[in-house]
PDB file of N, CA and C in Angstrom:
ATOM      1  N   VAL A   1     125.222  96.487  92.990  1.00  0.00           N
ATOM      2  CA  VAL A   1     124.222  96.866  92.016  1.00  0.00           C
ATOM      3  C   VAL A   1     124.893  97.769  90.999  1.00  0.00           C
ATOM      4  N   VAL A   2     124.848  97.361  89.753  1.00  0.00           N
ATOM      5  CA  VAL A   2     125.482  98.157  88.712  1.00  0.00           C
ATOM      6  C   VAL A   2     124.467  99.167  88.204  1.00  0.00           C
ATOM      7  N   MET A   3     124.379 100.285  88.907  1.00  0.00           N
ATOM      8  CA  MET A   3     123.429 101.327  88.535  1.00  0.00           C
ATOM      9  C   MET A   3     124.031 102.684  88.848  1.00  0.00           C
ATOM     10  N   ASN A   4     123.385 103.698  88.337  1.00  0.00           N
ATOM     11  CA  ASN A   4     123.775 105.064  88.652  1.00  0.00           C
ATOM     12  C   ASN A   4     123.068 105.509  89.929  1.00  0.00           C
ATOM     13  N   PRO A   5     123.587 106.561  90.566  1.00  0.00           N
ATOM     14  CA  PRO A   5     122.951 107.022  91.804  1.00  0.00           C
ATOM     15  C   PRO A   5     121.496 107.456  91.619  1.00  0.00           C
ATOM     16  N   VAL A   6     121.109 107.839  90.415  1.00  0.00           N
ATOM     17  CA  VAL A   6     119.713 108.231  90.199  1.00  0.00           C
ATOM     18  C   VAL A   6     118.789 107.021  90.151  1.00  0.00           C
ATOM     19  N   ASP A   7     119.359 105.827  89.903  1.00  0.00           N
ATOM     20  CA  ASP A   7     118.557 104.622  89.749  1.00  0.00           C
ATOM     21  C   ASP A   7     118.380 103.847  91.047  1.00  0.00           C
ATOM     22  N   HIS A   8     119.359 103.899  91.949  1.00  0.00           N
ATOM     23  CA  HIS A   8     119.321 103.091  93.167  1.00  0.00           C
ATOM     24  C   HIS A   8     120.216 103.736  94.212  1.00  0.00           C
ATOM     25  N   PRO A   9     119.839 103.661  95.502  1.00  0.00           N
ATOM     26  CA  PRO A   9     120.699 104.240  96.544  1.00  0.00           C
ATOM     27  C   PRO A   9     122.084 103.610  96.620  1.00  0.00           C
ATOM     28  N   HIS A  10     122.249 102.359  96.139  1.00  0.00           N
ATOM     29  CA  HIS A  10     123.564 101.715  96.157  1.00  0.00           C
ATOM     30  C   HIS A  10     124.377 102.045  94.910  1.00  0.00           C
ATOM     31  N   GLY A  11     123.815 102.783  93.979  1.00  0.00           N
ATOM     32  CA  GLY A  11     124.477 103.008  92.702  1.00  0.00           C
ATOM     33  C   GLY A  11     125.607 104.009  92.781  1.00  0.00           C
ATOM     34  N   GLY A  12     126.369 104.068  91.695  1.00  0.00           N
ATOM     35  CA  GLY A  12     127.463 105.025  91.597  1.00  0.00           C
ATOM     36  C   GLY A  12     128.745 104.502  92.207  1.00  0.00           C
ATOM     37  N   GLY A  13     129.762 105.351  92.255  1.00  0.00           N
ATOM     38  CA  GLY A  13     131.056 104.958  92.812  1.00  0.00           C
ATOM     39  C   GLY A  13     132.035 104.573  91.732  1.00  0.00           C
ATOM     40  N   GLU A  14     133.257 104.381  92.144  1.00  0.00           N
ATOM     41  CA  GLU A  14     134.335 104.014  91.220  1.00  0.00           C
ATOM     42  C   GLU A  14     134.595 102.523  91.302  1.00  0.00           C
ATOM     43  N   GLY A  15     134.553 101.842  90.171  1.00  0.00           N
ATOM     44  CA  GLY A  15     134.841 100.408  90.151  1.00  0.00           C
ATOM     45  C   GLY A  15     133.794  99.624  90.923  1.00  0.00           C
ATOM     46  N   ARG A  16     134.282  98.608  91.649  1.00  0.00           N
ATOM     47  CA  ARG A  16     133.362  97.778  92.438  1.00  0.00           C
ATOM     48  C   ARG A  16     133.285  98.335  93.853  1.00  0.00           C
ATOM     49  N   ALA A  17     132.685  99.479  93.977  1.00  0.00           N
ATOM     50  CA  ALA A  17     132.628 100.189  95.249  1.00  0.00           C
ATOM     51  C   ALA A  17     131.608  99.542  96.187  1.00  0.00           C
ATOM     52  N   PRO A  18     131.799  99.686  97.503  1.00  0.00           N
ATOM     53  CA  PRO A  18     130.805  99.172  98.446  1.00  0.00           C
ATOM     54  C   PRO A  18     129.531 100.016  98.412  1.00  0.00           C
ATOM     55  N   ILE A  19     128.615  99.681  99.281  1.00  0.00           N
ATOM     56  CA  ILE A  19     127.307 100.345  99.283  1.00  0.00           C
ATOM     57  C   ILE A  19     127.448 101.834  99.558  1.00  0.00           C
ATOM     58  N   GLY A  20     128.278 102.201 100.515  1.00  0.00           N
ATOM     59  CA  GLY A  20     128.501 103.606 100.803  1.00  0.00           C
ATOM     60  C   GLY A  20     127.510 104.211 101.775  1.00  0.00           C
ATOM     61  N   ARG A  21     126.639 103.393 102.344  1.00  0.00           N
ATOM     62  CA  ARG A  21     125.691 103.845 103.362  1.00  0.00           C
ATOM     63  C   ARG A  21     125.872 102.972 104.591  1.00  0.00           C
ATOM     64  N   LYS A  22     125.261 103.382 105.697  1.00  0.00           N
ATOM     65  CA  LYS A  22     125.423 102.595 106.922  1.00  0.00           C
ATOM     66  C   LYS A  22     124.754 101.236 106.806  1.00  0.00           C
ATOM     67  N   LYS A  23     123.575 101.191 106.175  1.00  0.00           N
ATOM     68  CA  LYS A  23     122.848  99.929 106.036  1.00  0.00           C
ATOM     69  C   LYS A  23     122.306  99.813 104.625  1.00  0.00           C
ATOM     70  N   PRO A  24     122.157  98.578 104.117  1.00  0.00           N
ATOM     71  CA  PRO A  24     121.586  98.392 102.782  1.00  0.00           C
ATOM     72  C   PRO A  24     120.156  98.916 102.721  1.00  0.00           C
ATOM     73  N   THR A  25     119.788  99.420 101.568  1.00  0.00           N
ATOM     74  CA  THR A  25     118.453  99.973 101.399  1.00  0.00           C
ATOM     75  C   THR A  25     117.787  99.392 100.159  1.00  0.00           C
ATOM     76  N   THR A  26     116.480  99.530 100.108  1.00  0.00           N
ATOM     77  CA  THR A  26     115.720  99.139  98.932  1.00  0.00           C
ATOM     78  C   THR A  26     115.893 100.215  97.865  1.00  0.00           C
ATOM     79  N   PRO A  27     115.431  99.963  96.650  1.00  0.00           N
ATOM     80  CA  PRO A  27     115.527 100.999  95.615  1.00  0.00           C
ATOM     81  C   PRO A  27     114.785 102.278  95.972  1.00  0.00           C
ATOM     82  N   TRP A  28     113.877 102.223  96.933  1.00  0.00           N
ATOM     83  CA  TRP A  28     113.107 103.406  97.336  1.00  0.00           C
ATOM     84  C   TRP A  28     113.680 104.074  98.573  1.00  0.00           C
ATOM     85  N   GLY A  29     114.799 103.557  99.102  1.00  0.00           N
ATOM     86  CA  GLY A  29     115.475 104.206 100.215  1.00  0.00           C
ATOM     87  C   GLY A  29     115.103 103.704 101.588  1.00  0.00           C
ATOM     88  N   TYR A  30     114.247 102.682 101.684  1.00  0.00           N
ATOM     89  CA  TYR A  30     113.880 102.142 102.990  1.00  0.00           C
ATOM     90  C   TYR A  30     114.900 101.100 103.426  1.00  0.00           C
ATOM     91  N   PRO A  31     115.090 100.869 104.730  1.00  0.00           N
ATOM     92  CA  PRO A  31     116.047  99.855 105.190  1.00  0.00           C
ATOM     93  C   PRO A  31     115.674  98.472 104.664  1.00  0.00           C
ATOM     94  N   ALA A  32     116.694  97.701 104.237  1.00  0.00           N
ATOM     95  CA  ALA A  32     116.432  96.427 103.576  1.00  0.00           C
ATOM     96  C   ALA A  32     116.602  95.234 104.501  1.00  0.00           C
ATOM     97  N   LEU A  33     117.467  95.298 105.490  1.00  0.00           N
ATOM     98  CA  LEU A  33     117.757  94.127 106.311  1.00  0.00           C
ATOM     99  C   LEU A  33     117.474  94.423 107.776  1.00  0.00           C
ATOM    100  N   GLY A  34     116.695  93.561 108.414  1.00  0.00           N
ATOM    101  CA  GLY A  34     116.499  93.629 109.851  1.00  0.00           C
ATOM    102  C   GLY A  34     115.446  94.600 110.329  1.00  0.00           C
ATOM    103  N   ARG A  35     115.014  95.503 109.511  1.00  0.00           N
ATOM    104  CA  ARG A  35     114.056  96.520 109.935  1.00  0.00           C
ATOM    105  C   ARG A  35     112.656  96.083 109.550  1.00  0.00           C
ATOM    106  N   ARG A  36     111.723  96.184 110.470  1.00  0.00           N
ATOM    107  CA  ARG A  36     110.335  95.839 110.170  1.00  0.00           C
ATOM    108  C   ARG A  36     109.714  96.939 109.319  1.00  0.00           C
ATOM    109  N   SER A  37     108.957  96.552 108.332  1.00  0.00           N
ATOM    110  CA  SER A  37     108.381  97.534 107.419  1.00  0.00           C
ATOM    111  C   SER A  37     106.864  97.639 107.546  1.00  0.00           C
ATOM    112  N   ARG A  38     106.262  96.760 108.337  1.00  0.00           N
ATOM    113  CA  ARG A  38     104.806  96.799 108.488  1.00  0.00           C
ATOM    114  C   ARG A  38     104.416  97.855 109.514  1.00  0.00           C
ATOM    115  N   LYS A  39     103.280  98.525 109.275  1.00  0.00           N
ATOM    116  CA  LYS A  39     102.796  99.538 110.211  1.00  0.00           C
ATOM    117  C   LYS A  39     102.335  98.877 111.504  1.00  0.00           C
ATOM    118  N   ARG A  40     102.523  99.574 112.623  1.00  0.00           N
ATOM    119  CA  ARG A  40     102.244  98.976 113.923  1.00  0.00           C
ATOM    120  C   ARG A  40     100.753  98.777 114.186  1.00  0.00           C
ATOM    121  N   ASN A  41      99.929  99.706 113.791  1.00  0.00           N
ATOM    122  CA  ASN A  41      98.492  99.616 114.078  1.00  0.00           C
ATOM    123  C   ASN A  41      97.692  99.392 112.802  1.00  0.00           C
ATOM    124  N   LYS A  42      98.053  98.343 112.085  1.00  0.00           N
ATOM    125  CA  LYS A  42      97.355  98.053 110.841  1.00  0.00           C
ATOM    126  C   LYS A  42      95.983  97.435 111.148  1.00  0.00           C
ATOM    127  N   TYR A  43      95.002  97.747 110.305  1.00  0.00           N
ATOM    128  CA  TYR A  43      93.636  97.308 110.584  1.00  0.00           C
ATOM    129  C   TYR A  43      93.505  95.792 110.582  1.00  0.00           C
ATOM    130  N   SER A  44      94.348  95.081 109.821  1.00  0.00           N
ATOM    131  CA  SER A  44      94.214  93.628 109.725  1.00  0.00           C
ATOM    132  C   SER A  44      94.972  92.893 110.826  1.00  0.00           C
ATOM    133  N   ASP A  45      95.561  93.608 111.798  1.00  0.00           N
ATOM    134  CA  ASP A  45      96.253  92.931 112.895  1.00  0.00           C
ATOM    135  C   ASP A  45      95.299  92.034 113.678  1.00  0.00           C
ATOM    136  N   SER A  46      94.046  92.457 113.802  1.00  0.00           N
ATOM    137  CA  SER A  46      93.090  91.657 114.566  1.00  0.00           C
ATOM    138  C   SER A  46      92.696  90.388 113.824  1.00  0.00           C
ATOM    139  N   LEU A  47      92.938  90.338 112.522  1.00  0.00           N
ATOM    140  CA  LEU A  47      92.585  89.157 111.734  1.00  0.00           C
ATOM    141  C   LEU A  47      93.680  88.103 111.761  1.00  0.00           C
ATOM    142  N   ILE A  48      94.896  88.489 112.140  1.00  0.00           N
ATOM    143  CA  ILE A  48      96.021  87.554 112.174  1.00  0.00           C
ATOM    144  C   ILE A  48      96.040  86.901 113.546  1.00  0.00           C
ATOM    145  N   LEU A  49      95.745  85.612 113.603  1.00  0.00           N
ATOM    146  CA  LEU A  49      95.646  84.916 114.884  1.00  0.00           C
ATOM    147  C   LEU A  49      96.946  84.233 115.272  1.00  0.00           C
ATOM    148  N   CYS A  50      97.621  83.613 114.315  1.00  0.00           N
ATOM    149  CA  CYS A  50      98.893  82.972 114.646  1.00  0.00           C
ATOM    150  C   CYS A  50      99.859  83.159 113.483  1.00  0.00           C
ATOM    151  N   ARG A  51     101.121  83.100 113.806  1.00  0.00           N
ATOM    152  CA  ARG A  51     102.184  83.332 112.842  1.00  0.00           C
ATOM    153  C   ARG A  51     102.377  82.100 111.973  1.00  0.00           C
ATOM    154  N   ARG A  52     102.541  82.300 110.680  1.00  0.00           N
ATOM    155  CA  ARG A  52     102.821  81.190 109.770  1.00  0.00           C
ATOM    156  C   ARG A  52     104.284  80.834 109.866  1.00  0.00           C
ATOM    157  N   LYS A  53     104.615  79.561 109.970  1.00  0.00           N
ATOM    158  CA  LYS A  53     106.016  79.153 110.051  1.00  0.00           C
ATOM    159  C   LYS A  53     106.524  78.720 108.700  1.00  0.00           C
TER     160      LYS A  53
END
């Protein structure tokens, strides 16, 4: 991501620098890959009967 550190957690560095964090993050600092982002006890859980494939 070609950005400054104020714009994105992956921003900054010299040249084509790597991410510089343990795991990739969203622009807001939340984990981007592999981590579930939905709340565990959401009110609409009872409305979801089967998983969409």
